[in-house]
Amino acid sequence: KKLALASALSGPARAIGPASTHGAWLPDGGYALAASCAPRSKALAMSFDFSRCKGLALRGGDGTKVDMIFNSKDPEEMRLIGDLQPMGSKKSFSMSTSYQEVR
């Protein structure tokens, strides 16, 4: 996980809604995605959907979605969201997100 997080952080920063993300290709042909959220007055629930990826699957888990809660008092620390492993010779990364404030 540390290698995946370090690799993700080496990628370019992108804003996705209220989150800041970094993502990068891994040496084994997989892809890593990390995200953080600036402190807010309310917690934020985010869903990251990787179902549009081709030739990639979440490592060590079933499904194609990762749900994460960024608490209102959490530090703005990057978290590993997706560690995707290669599942074929043709790979493409695509993701959709949704989010809402949590009371």
PDB file of N, CA and C in Angstrom:
ATOM      1  N   LYS A   1       0.810  -1.203   0.000  1.00  0.00           N
ATOM      2  CA  LYS A   1       0.000   0.000   0.000  1.00  0.00           C
ATOM      3  C   LYS A   1       0.852   1.264   0.000  1.00  0.00           C
ATOM      4  N   LYS A   2       1.989   1.215   0.686  1.00  0.00           N
ATOM      5  CA  LYS A   2       2.846   2.401   0.741  1.00  0.00           C
ATOM      6  C   LYS A   2       3.402   2.730  -0.637  1.00  0.00           C
ATOM      7  N   LEU A   3       3.785   1.710  -1.403  1.00  0.00           N
ATOM      8  CA  LEU A   3       4.283   1.935  -2.761  1.00  0.00           C
ATOM      9  C   LEU A   3       3.184   2.517  -3.639  1.00  0.00           C
ATOM     10  N   ALA A   4       1.975   1.983  -3.510  1.00  0.00           N
ATOM     11  CA  ALA A   4       0.856   2.489  -4.312  1.00  0.00           C
ATOM     12  C   ALA A   4       0.569   3.948  -3.963  1.00  0.00           C
ATOM     13  N   LEU A   5       0.558   4.283  -2.675  1.00  0.00           N
ATOM     14  CA  LEU A   5       0.299   5.668  -2.266  1.00  0.00           C
ATOM     15  C   LEU A   5       1.413   6.587  -2.756  1.00  0.00           C
ATOM     16  N   ALA A   6       2.660   6.180  -2.583  1.00  0.00           N
ATOM     17  CA  ALA A   6       3.782   7.002  -3.047  1.00  0.00           C
ATOM     18  C   ALA A   6       3.726   7.202  -4.558  1.00  0.00           C
ATOM     19  N   SER A   7       3.371   6.155  -5.285  1.00  0.00           N
ATOM     20  CA  SER A   7       3.245   6.263  -6.744  1.00  0.00           C
ATOM     21  C   SER A   7       2.124   7.216  -7.124  1.00  0.00           C
ATOM     22  N   ALA A   8       0.980   7.085  -6.461  1.00  0.00           N
ATOM     23  CA  ALA A   8      -0.159   7.967  -6.750  1.00  0.00           C
ATOM     24  C   ALA A   8       0.234   9.428  -6.532  1.00  0.00           C
ATOM     25  N   LEU A   9       0.938   9.691  -5.452  1.00  0.00           N
ATOM     26  CA  LEU A   9       1.318  11.075  -5.124  1.00  0.00           C
ATOM     27  C   LEU A   9       2.304  11.662  -6.119  1.00  0.00           C
ATOM     28  N   SER A  10       2.981  10.806  -6.891  1.00  0.00           N
ATOM     29  CA  SER A  10       3.913  11.313  -7.899  1.00  0.00           C
ATOM     30  C   SER A  10       3.177  11.820  -9.139  1.00  0.00           C
ATOM     31  N   GLY A  11       1.894  11.495  -9.253  1.00  0.00           N
ATOM     32  CA  GLY A  11       1.103  11.933 -10.406  1.00  0.00           C
ATOM     33  C   GLY A  11       0.584  13.348 -10.231  1.00  0.00           C
ATOM     34  N   PRO A  12       0.024  13.901 -11.295  1.00  0.00           N
ATOM     35  CA  PRO A  12      -0.476  15.280 -11.238  1.00  0.00           C
ATOM     36  C   PRO A  12      -1.702  15.413 -10.331  1.00  0.00           C
ATOM     37  N   ALA A  13      -1.843  16.589  -9.740  1.00  0.00           N
ATOM     38  CA  ALA A  13      -3.007  16.884  -8.896  1.00  0.00           C
ATOM     39  C   ALA A  13      -4.199  17.259  -9.767  1.00  0.00           C
ATOM     40  N   ARG A  14      -5.364  16.779  -9.373  1.00  0.00           N
ATOM     41  CA  ARG A  14      -6.602  17.132 -10.074  1.00  0.00           C
ATOM     42  C   ARG A  14      -7.693  17.356  -9.036  1.00  0.00           C
ATOM     43  N   ALA A  15      -8.484  18.374  -9.231  1.00  0.00           N
ATOM     44  CA  ALA A  15      -9.626  18.622  -8.355  1.00  0.00           C
ATOM     45  C   ALA A  15     -10.831  17.872  -8.902  1.00  0.00           C
ATOM     46  N   ILE A  16     -11.487  17.125  -8.038  1.00  0.00           N
ATOM     47  CA  ILE A  16     -12.722  16.434  -8.399  1.00  0.00           C
ATOM     48  C   ILE A  16     -13.731  16.799  -7.322  1.00  0.00           C
ATOM     49  N   GLY A  17     -14.633  17.707  -7.661  1.00  0.00           N
ATOM     50  CA  GLY A  17     -15.555  18.213  -6.655  1.00  0.00           C
ATOM     51  C   GLY A  17     -14.770  18.834  -5.520  1.00  0.00           C
ATOM     52  N   PRO A  18     -15.094  18.495  -4.274  1.00  0.00           N
ATOM     53  CA  PRO A  18     -14.384  19.069  -3.133  1.00  0.00           C
ATOM     54  C   PRO A  18     -13.069  18.356  -2.810  1.00  0.00           C
ATOM     55  N   ALA A  19     -12.745  17.312  -3.561  1.00  0.00           N
ATOM     56  CA  ALA A  19     -11.532  16.528  -3.277  1.00  0.00           C
ATOM     57  C   ALA A  19     -10.387  16.922  -4.203  1.00  0.00           C
ATOM     58  N   SER A  20      -9.188  16.683  -3.700  1.00  0.00           N
ATOM     59  CA  SER A  20      -7.988  16.811  -4.514  1.00  0.00           C
ATOM     60  C   SER A  20      -7.467  15.396  -4.699  1.00  0.00           C
ATOM     61  N   THR A  21      -7.148  15.033  -5.938  1.00  0.00           N
ATOM     62  CA  THR A  21      -6.682  13.673  -6.204  1.00  0.00           C
ATOM     63  C   THR A  21      -5.326  13.695  -6.900  1.00  0.00           C
ATOM     64  N   HIS A  22      -4.621  12.591  -6.761  1.00  0.00           N
ATOM     65  CA  HIS A  22      -3.391  12.320  -7.488  1.00  0.00           C
ATOM     66  C   HIS A  22      -3.489  10.880  -7.968  1.00  0.00           C
ATOM     67  N   GLY A  23      -3.048  10.617  -9.176  1.00  0.00           N
ATOM     68  CA  GLY A  23      -3.062   9.254  -9.686  1.00  0.00           C
ATOM     69  C   GLY A  23      -1.892   9.016 -10.616  1.00  0.00           C
ATOM     70  N   ALA A  24      -1.444   7.745 -10.667  1.00  0.00           N
ATOM     71  CA  ALA A  24      -0.296   7.406 -11.523  1.00  0.00           C
ATOM     72  C   ALA A  24      -0.309   5.915 -11.829  1.00  0.00           C
ATOM     73  N   TRP A  25       0.308   5.576 -12.955  1.00  0.00           N
ATOM     74  CA  TRP A  25       0.488   4.177 -13.339  1.00  0.00           C
ATOM     75  C   TRP A  25       1.562   3.557 -12.467  1.00  0.00           C
ATOM     76  N   LEU A  26       1.369   2.306 -12.087  1.00  0.00           N
ATOM     77  CA  LEU A  26       2.299   1.563 -11.244  1.00  0.00           C
ATOM     78  C   LEU A  26       3.278   0.760 -12.095  1.00  0.00           C
ATOM     79  N   PRO A  27       4.422   0.389 -11.525  1.00  0.00           N
ATOM     80  CA  PRO A  27       5.405  -0.390 -12.293  1.00  0.00           C
ATOM     81  C   PRO A  27       4.857  -1.713 -12.850  1.00  0.00           C
ATOM     82  N   ASP A  28       3.875  -2.321 -12.167  1.00  0.00           N
ATOM     83  CA  ASP A  28       3.326  -3.595 -12.641  1.00  0.00           C
ATOM     84  C   ASP A  28       2.222  -3.421 -13.691  1.00  0.00           C
ATOM     85  N   GLY A  29       1.948  -2.168 -14.086  1.00  0.00           N
ATOM     86  CA  GLY A  29       0.901  -1.905 -15.073  1.00  0.00           C
ATOM     87  C   GLY A  29      -0.435  -1.559 -14.454  1.00  0.00           C
ATOM     88  N   GLY A  30      -0.496  -1.548 -13.133  1.00  0.00           N
ATOM     89  CA  GLY A  30      -1.721  -1.147 -12.444  1.00  0.00           C
ATOM     90  C   GLY A  30      -1.810   0.371 -12.337  1.00  0.00           C
ATOM     91  N   TYR A  31      -2.761   0.851 -11.562  1.00  0.00           N
ATOM     92  CA  TYR A  31      -2.959   2.285 -11.387  1.00  0.00           C
ATOM     93  C   TYR A  31      -3.295   2.546  -9.922  1.00  0.00           C
ATOM     94  N   ALA A  32      -2.779   3.643  -9.367  1.00  0.00           N
ATOM     95  CA  ALA A  32      -3.064   4.019  -7.985  1.00  0.00           C
ATOM     96  C   ALA A  32      -3.680   5.410  -7.957  1.00  0.00           C
ATOM     97  N   LEU A  33      -4.683   5.575  -7.096  1.00  0.00           N
ATOM     98  CA  LEU A  33      -5.372   6.858  -6.936  1.00  0.00           C
ATOM     99  C   LEU A  33      -5.424   7.206  -5.457  1.00  0.00           C
ATOM    100  N   ALA A  34      -5.060   8.437  -5.121  1.00  0.00           N
ATOM    101  CA  ALA A  34      -5.142   8.937  -3.748  1.00  0.00           C
ATOM    102  C   ALA A  34      -5.983  10.206  -3.748  1.00  0.00           C
ATOM    103  N   ALA A  35      -6.604  10.491  -2.616  1.00  0.00           N
ATOM    104  CA  ALA A  35      -7.443  11.693  -2.517  1.00  0.00           C
ATOM    105  C   ALA A  35      -7.376  12.277  -1.118  1.00  0.00           C
ATOM    106  N   SER A  36      -7.654  13.558  -1.040  1.00  0.00           N
ATOM    107  CA  SER A  36      -7.818  14.241   0.244  1.00  0.00           C
ATOM    108  C   SER A  36      -8.933  15.252   0.076  1.00  0.00           C
ATOM    109  N   CYS A  37      -9.404  15.760   1.196  1.00  0.00           N
ATOM    110  CA  CYS A  37     -10.460  16.761   1.156  1.00  0.00           C
ATOM    111  C   CYS A  37     -10.105  17.845   2.161  1.00  0.00           C
ATOM    112  N   ALA A  38     -10.243  19.082   1.757  1.00  0.00           N
ATOM    113  CA  ALA A  38      -9.955  20.201   2.648  1.00  0.00           C
ATOM    114  C   ALA A  38     -10.920  20.158   3.831  1.00  0.00           C
ATOM    115  N   PRO A  39     -10.477  20.622   4.997  1.00  0.00           N
ATOM    116  CA  PRO A  39     -11.374  20.641   6.163  1.00  0.00           C
ATOM    117  C   PRO A  39     -12.668  21.381   5.843  1.00  0.00           C
ATOM    118  N   ARG A  40     -13.759  20.815   6.328  1.00  0.00           N
ATOM    119  CA  ARG A  40     -15.092  21.373   6.065  1.00  0.00           C
ATOM    120  C   ARG A  40     -15.866  21.431   7.379  1.00  0.00           C
ATOM    121  N   SER A  41     -17.009  22.102   7.343  1.00  0.00           N
ATOM    122  CA  SER A  41     -17.836  22.170   8.545  1.00  0.00           C
ATOM    123  C   SER A  41     -18.580  20.864   8.792  1.00  0.00           C
ATOM    124  N   LYS A  42     -18.818  20.075   7.729  1.00  0.00           N
ATOM    125  CA  LYS A  42     -19.500  18.785   7.864  1.00  0.00           C
ATOM    126  C   LYS A  42     -18.667  17.702   7.178  1.00  0.00           C
ATOM    127  N   ALA A  43     -18.859  16.476   7.623  1.00  0.00           N
ATOM    128  CA  ALA A  43     -18.166  15.345   6.997  1.00  0.00           C
ATOM    129  C   ALA A  43     -18.675  15.184   5.563  1.00  0.00           C
ATOM    130  N   LEU A  44     -17.851  14.578   4.733  1.00  0.00           N
ATOM    131  CA  LEU A  44     -18.184  14.392   3.324  1.00  0.00           C
ATOM    132  C   LEU A  44     -18.052  12.909   2.974  1.00  0.00           C
ATOM    133  N   ALA A  45     -19.114  12.328   2.429  1.00  0.00           N
ATOM    134  CA  ALA A  45     -19.083  10.944   1.953  1.00  0.00           C
ATOM    135  C   ALA A  45     -18.845  10.979   0.450  1.00  0.00           C
ATOM    136  N   MET A  46     -17.803  10.280   0.013  1.00  0.00           N
ATOM    137  CA  MET A  46     -17.479  10.230  -1.419  1.00  0.00           C
ATOM    138  C   MET A  46     -17.464   8.796  -1.897  1.00  0.00           C
ATOM    139  N   SER A  47     -17.965   8.601  -3.094  1.00  0.00           N
ATOM    140  CA  SER A  47     -17.946   7.301  -3.759  1.00  0.00           C
ATOM    141  C   SER A  47     -17.085   7.424  -4.996  1.00  0.00           C
ATOM    142  N   PHE A  48     -16.152   6.492  -5.164  1.00  0.00           N
ATOM    143  CA  PHE A  48     -15.272   6.448  -6.331  1.00  0.00           C
ATOM    144  C   PHE A  48     -15.624   5.175  -7.099  1.00  0.00           C
ATOM    145  N   ASP A  49     -16.092   5.322  -8.320  1.00  0.00           N
ATOM    146  CA  ASP A  49     -16.555   4.186  -9.127  1.00  0.00           C
ATOM    147  C   ASP A  49     -15.552   3.930 -10.259  1.00  0.00           C
ATOM    148  N   PHE A  50     -14.957   2.737 -10.236  1.00  0.00           N
ATOM    149  CA  PHE A  50     -13.940   2.367 -11.215  1.00  0.00           C
ATOM    150  C   PHE A  50     -14.482   1.409 -12.283  1.00  0.00           C
ATOM    151  N   SER A  51     -15.797   1.307 -12.417  1.00  0.00           N
ATOM    152  CA  SER A  51     -16.390   0.321 -13.334  1.00  0.00           C
ATOM    153  C   SER A  51     -16.067   0.596 -14.802  1.00  0.00           C
ATOM    154  N   ARG A  52     -15.693   1.813 -15.144  1.00  0.00           N
ATOM    155  CA  ARG A  52     -15.362   2.125 -16.547  1.00  0.00           C
ATOM    156  C   ARG A  52     -13.916   1.814 -16.911  1.00  0.00           C
ATOM    157  N   CYS A  53     -13.120   1.396 -15.931  1.00  0.00           N
ATOM    158  CA  CYS A  53     -11.727   1.007 -16.215  1.00  0.00           C
ATOM    159  C   CYS A  53     -11.723  -0.227 -17.105  1.00  0.00           C
ATOM    160  N   LYS A  54     -10.759  -0.297 -17.983  1.00  0.00           N
ATOM    161  CA  LYS A  54     -10.570  -1.471 -18.840  1.00  0.00           C
ATOM    162  C   LYS A  54      -9.252  -2.131 -18.469  1.00  0.00           C
ATOM    163  N   GLY A  55      -9.266  -3.439 -18.234  1.00  0.00           N
ATOM    164  CA  GLY A  55      -8.044  -4.171 -17.926  1.00  0.00           C
ATOM    165  C   GLY A  55      -7.476  -3.888 -16.551  1.00  0.00           C
ATOM    166  N   LEU A  56      -8.288  -3.309 -15.647  1.00  0.00           N
ATOM    167  CA  LEU A  56      -7.859  -2.993 -14.285  1.00  0.00           C
ATOM    168  C   LEU A  56      -8.947  -3.424 -13.302  1.00  0.00           C
ATOM    169  N   ALA A  57      -8.536  -3.908 -12.134  1.00  0.00           N
ATOM    170  CA  ALA A  57      -9.487  -4.297 -11.088  1.00  0.00           C
ATOM    171  C   ALA A  57      -8.906  -3.919  -9.732  1.00  0.00           C
ATOM    172  N   LEU A  58      -9.781  -3.580  -8.794  1.00  0.00           N
ATOM    173  CA  LEU A  58      -9.324  -3.235  -7.455  1.00  0.00           C
ATOM    174  C   LEU A  58      -8.575  -4.410  -6.843  1.00  0.00           C
ATOM    175  N   ARG A  59      -7.399  -4.136  -6.361  1.00  0.00           N
ATOM    176  CA  ARG A  59      -6.547  -5.172  -5.771  1.00  0.00           C
ATOM    177  C   ARG A  59      -7.111  -5.582  -4.408  1.00  0.00           C
ATOM    178  N   GLY A  60      -7.242  -6.893  -4.198  1.00  0.00           N
ATOM    179  CA  GLY A  60      -7.660  -7.412  -2.905  1.00  0.00           C
ATOM    180  C   GLY A  60      -9.099  -7.156  -2.521  1.00  0.00           C
ATOM    181  N   GLY A  61      -9.938  -6.878  -3.486  1.00  0.00           N
ATOM    182  CA  GLY A  61     -11.331  -6.622  -3.130  1.00  0.00           C
ATOM    183  C   GLY A  61     -12.281  -6.967  -4.251  1.00  0.00           C
ATOM    184  N   ASP A  62     -13.512  -7.130  -3.890  1.00  0.00           N
ATOM    185  CA  ASP A  62     -14.558  -7.372  -4.878  1.00  0.00           C
ATOM    186  C   ASP A  62     -15.224  -6.051  -5.223  1.00  0.00           C
ATOM    187  N   GLY A  63     -15.827  -5.999  -6.363  1.00  0.00           N
ATOM    188  CA  GLY A  63     -16.573  -4.807  -6.747  1.00  0.00           C
ATOM    189  C   GLY A  63     -15.726  -3.793  -7.485  1.00  0.00           C
ATOM    190  N   THR A  64     -16.373  -2.689  -7.793  1.00  0.00           N
ATOM    191  CA  THR A  64     -15.721  -1.638  -8.574  1.00  0.00           C
ATOM    192  C   THR A  64     -15.818  -0.276  -7.901  1.00  0.00           C
ATOM    193  N   LYS A  65     -16.396  -0.211  -6.689  1.00  0.00           N
ATOM    194  CA  LYS A  65     -16.580   1.064  -5.996  1.00  0.00           C
ATOM    195  C   LYS A  65     -15.843   1.085  -4.668  1.00  0.00           C
ATOM    196  N   VAL A  66     -15.368   2.275  -4.330  1.00  0.00           N
ATOM    197  CA  VAL A  66     -14.767   2.506  -3.011  1.00  0.00           C
ATOM    198  C   VAL A  66     -15.499   3.698  -2.397  1.00  0.00           C
ATOM    199  N   ASP A  67     -16.010   3.513  -1.183  1.00  0.00           N
ATOM    200  CA  ASP A  67     -16.675   4.587  -0.454  1.00  0.00           C
ATOM    201  C   ASP A  67     -15.749   5.075   0.648  1.00  0.00           C
ATOM    202  N   MET A  68     -15.661   6.383   0.790  1.00  0.00           N
ATOM    203  CA  MET A  68     -14.747   6.974   1.771  1.00  0.00           C
ATOM    204  C   MET A  68     -15.458   8.132   2.455  1.00  0.00           C
ATOM    205  N   ILE A  69     -15.259   8.258   3.752  1.00  0.00           N
ATOM    206  CA  ILE A  69     -15.793   9.411   4.494  1.00  0.00           C
ATOM    207  C   ILE A  69     -14.614  10.268   4.933  1.00  0.00           C
ATOM    208  N   PHE A  70     -14.677  11.517   4.556  1.00  0.00           N
ATOM    209  CA  PHE A  70     -13.696  12.507   5.003  1.00  0.00           C
ATOM    210  C   PHE A  70     -14.363  13.280   6.131  1.00  0.00           C
ATOM    211  N   ASN A  71     -13.907  13.044   7.368  1.00  0.00           N
ATOM    212  CA  ASN A  71     -14.503  13.710   8.523  1.00  0.00           C
ATOM    213  C   ASN A  71     -14.143  15.184   8.548  1.00  0.00           C
ATOM    214  N   SER A  72     -15.003  15.974   9.144  1.00  0.00           N
ATOM    215  CA  SER A  72     -14.815  17.422   9.135  1.00  0.00           C
ATOM    216  C   SER A  72     -13.546  17.856   9.854  1.00  0.00           C
ATOM    217  N   LYS A  73     -13.063  17.061  10.794  1.00  0.00           N
ATOM    218  CA  LYS A  73     -11.862  17.452  11.550  1.00  0.00           C
ATOM    219  C   LYS A  73     -10.614  16.695  11.107  1.00  0.00           C
ATOM    220  N   ASP A  74     -10.722  15.896  10.057  1.00  0.00           N
ATOM    221  CA  ASP A  74      -9.556  15.167   9.543  1.00  0.00           C
ATOM    222  C   ASP A  74      -8.526  16.136   8.989  1.00  0.00           C
ATOM    223  N   PRO A  75      -7.255  15.819   9.183  1.00  0.00           N
ATOM    224  CA  PRO A  75      -6.243  16.643   8.515  1.00  0.00           C
ATOM    225  C   PRO A  75      -6.323  16.405   7.005  1.00  0.00           C
ATOM    226  N   GLU A  76      -5.795  17.318   6.265  1.00  0.00           N
ATOM    227  CA  GLU A  76      -5.852  17.258   4.798  1.00  0.00           C
ATOM    228  C   GLU A  76      -4.785  16.292   4.283  1.00  0.00           C
ATOM    229  N   GLU A  77      -4.869  15.037   4.718  1.00  0.00           N
ATOM    230  CA  GLU A  77      -3.869  14.033   4.384  1.00  0.00           C
ATOM    231  C   GLU A  77      -4.366  13.167   3.227  1.00  0.00           C
ATOM    232  N   MET A  78      -3.476  12.881   2.283  1.00  0.00           N
ATOM    233  CA  MET A  78      -3.836  12.020   1.154  1.00  0.00           C
ATOM    234  C   MET A  78      -4.049  10.591   1.623  1.00  0.00           C
ATOM    235  N   ARG A  79      -5.115   9.975   1.129  1.00  0.00           N
ATOM    236  CA  ARG A  79      -5.423   8.575   1.437  1.00  0.00           C
ATOM    237  C   ARG A  79      -5.444   7.781   0.143  1.00  0.00           C
ATOM    238  N   LEU A  80      -4.970   6.548   0.214  1.00  0.00           N
ATOM    239  CA  LEU A  80      -5.046   5.667  -0.946  1.00  0.00           C
ATOM    240  C   LEU A  80      -6.501   5.255  -1.130  1.00  0.00           C
ATOM    241  N   ILE A  81      -7.066   5.564  -2.296  1.00  0.00           N
ATOM    242  CA  ILE A  81      -8.462   5.236  -2.596  1.00  0.00           C
ATOM    243  C   ILE A  81      -8.542   3.965  -3.430  1.00  0.00           C
ATOM    244  N   GLY A  82      -7.761   3.915  -4.490  1.00  0.00           N
ATOM    245  CA  GLY A  82      -7.806   2.762  -5.375  1.00  0.00           C
ATOM    246  C   GLY A  82      -6.423   2.273  -5.739  1.00  0.00           C
ATOM    247  N   ASP A  83      -6.177   0.994  -5.492  1.00  0.00           N
ATOM    248  CA  ASP A  83      -4.961   0.321  -5.934  1.00  0.00           C
ATOM    249  C   ASP A  83      -5.447  -0.721  -6.933  1.00  0.00           C
ATOM    250  N   LEU A  84      -5.347  -0.394  -8.212  1.00  0.00           N
ATOM    251  CA  LEU A  84      -5.898  -1.255  -9.255  1.00  0.00           C
ATOM    252  C   LEU A  84      -4.808  -2.115  -9.874  1.00  0.00           C
ATOM    253  N   GLN A  85      -5.093  -3.392  -9.997  1.00  0.00           N
ATOM    254  CA  GLN A  85      -4.122  -4.325 -10.577  1.00  0.00           C
ATOM    255  C   GLN A  85      -4.440  -4.575 -12.040  1.00  0.00           C
ATOM    256  N   PRO A  86      -3.409  -4.852 -12.838  1.00  0.00           N
ATOM    257  CA  PRO A  86      -3.638  -5.121 -14.263  1.00  0.00           C
ATOM    258  C   PRO A  86      -4.322  -6.477 -14.456  1.00  0.00           C
ATOM    259  N   MET A  87      -5.271  -6.519 -15.386  1.00  0.00           N
ATOM    260  CA  MET A  87      -6.017  -7.741 -15.662  1.00  0.00           C
ATOM    261  C   MET A  87      -6.029  -8.066 -17.155  1.00  0.00           C
ATOM    262  N   GLY A  88      -5.083  -7.545 -17.893  1.00  0.00           N
ATOM    263  CA  GLY A  88      -5.027  -7.793 -19.326  1.00  0.00           C
ATOM    264  C   GLY A  88      -3.982  -6.898 -19.959  1.00  0.00           C
ATOM    265  N   SER A  89      -3.807  -7.065 -21.253  1.00  0.00           N
ATOM    266  CA  SER A  89      -2.765  -6.280 -21.920  1.00  0.00           C
ATOM    267  C   SER A  89      -3.233  -4.864 -22.252  1.00  0.00           C
ATOM    268  N   LYS A  90      -4.531  -4.674 -22.504  1.00  0.00           N
ATOM    269  CA  LYS A  90      -5.045  -3.337 -22.819  1.00  0.00           C
ATOM    270  C   LYS A  90      -5.663  -2.743 -21.562  1.00  0.00           C
ATOM    271  N   LYS A  91      -5.112  -1.594 -21.122  1.00  0.00           N
ATOM    272  CA  LYS A  91      -5.573  -0.973 -19.896  1.00  0.00           C
ATOM    273  C   LYS A  91      -5.930   0.487 -20.142  1.00  0.00           C
ATOM    274  N   SER A  92      -7.010   0.916 -19.516  1.00  0.00           N
ATOM    275  CA  SER A  92      -7.339   2.342 -19.498  1.00  0.00           C
ATOM    276  C   SER A  92      -7.996   2.652 -18.154  1.00  0.00           C
ATOM    277  N   PHE A  93      -7.677   3.826 -17.623  1.00  0.00           N
ATOM    278  CA  PHE A  93      -8.214   4.241 -16.336  1.00  0.00           C
ATOM    279  C   PHE A  93      -9.337   5.248 -16.556  1.00  0.00           C
ATOM    280  N   SER A  94     -10.446   5.025 -15.889  1.00  0.00           N
ATOM    281  CA  SER A  94     -11.571   5.947 -15.917  1.00  0.00           C
ATOM    282  C   SER A  94     -12.299   5.824 -14.580  1.00  0.00           C
ATOM    283  N   MET A  95     -12.814   6.926 -14.097  1.00  0.00           N
ATOM    284  CA  MET A  95     -13.467   6.916 -12.795  1.00  0.00           C
ATOM    285  C   MET A  95     -14.582   7.944 -12.774  1.00  0.00           C
ATOM    286  N   SER A  96     -15.630   7.639 -12.033  1.00  0.00           N
ATOM    287  CA  SER A  96     -16.664   8.638 -11.765  1.00  0.00           C
ATOM    288  C   SER A  96     -16.806   8.754 -10.254  1.00  0.00           C
ATOM    289  N   THR A  97     -17.279   9.893  -9.799  1.00  0.00           N
ATOM    290  CA  THR A  97     -17.420  10.118  -8.367  1.00  0.00           C
ATOM    291  C   THR A  97     -18.792  10.707  -8.062  1.00  0.00           C
ATOM    292  N   SER A  98     -19.204  10.511  -6.839  1.00  0.00           N
ATOM    293  CA  SER A  98     -20.367  11.216  -6.310  1.00  0.00           C
ATOM    294  C   SER A  98     -20.035  11.542  -4.860  1.00  0.00           C
ATOM    295  N   TYR A  99     -20.662  12.573  -4.340  1.00  0.00           N
ATOM    296  CA  TYR A  99     -20.374  12.973  -2.956  1.00  0.00           C
ATOM    297  C   TYR A  99     -21.548  13.713  -2.366  1.00  0.00           C
ATOM    298  N   GLN A 100     -21.621  13.670  -1.035  1.00  0.00           N
ATOM    299  CA  GLN A 100     -22.646  14.424  -0.318  1.00  0.00           C
ATOM    300  C   GLN A 100     -22.168  14.687   1.090  1.00  0.00           C
ATOM    301  N   GLU A 101     -22.667  15.777   1.663  1.00  0.00           N
ATOM    302  CA  GLU A 101     -22.334  16.075   3.050  1.00  0.00           C
ATOM    303  C   GLU A 101     -23.068  15.104   3.948  1.00  0.00           C
ATOM    304  N   VAL A 102     -22.414  14.734   5.038  1.00  0.00           N
ATOM    305  CA  VAL A 102     -22.993  13.810   6.011  1.00  0.00           C
ATOM    306  C   VAL A 102     -23.282  14.593   7.279  1.00  0.00           C
ATOM    307  N   ARG A 103     -24.457  14.408   7.815  1.00  0.00           N
ATOM    308  CA  ARG A 103     -24.826  15.159   9.032  1.00  0.00           C
ATOM    309  C   ARG A 103     -24.289  14.509  10.261  1.00  0.00           C
TER     310      ARG A 103
END
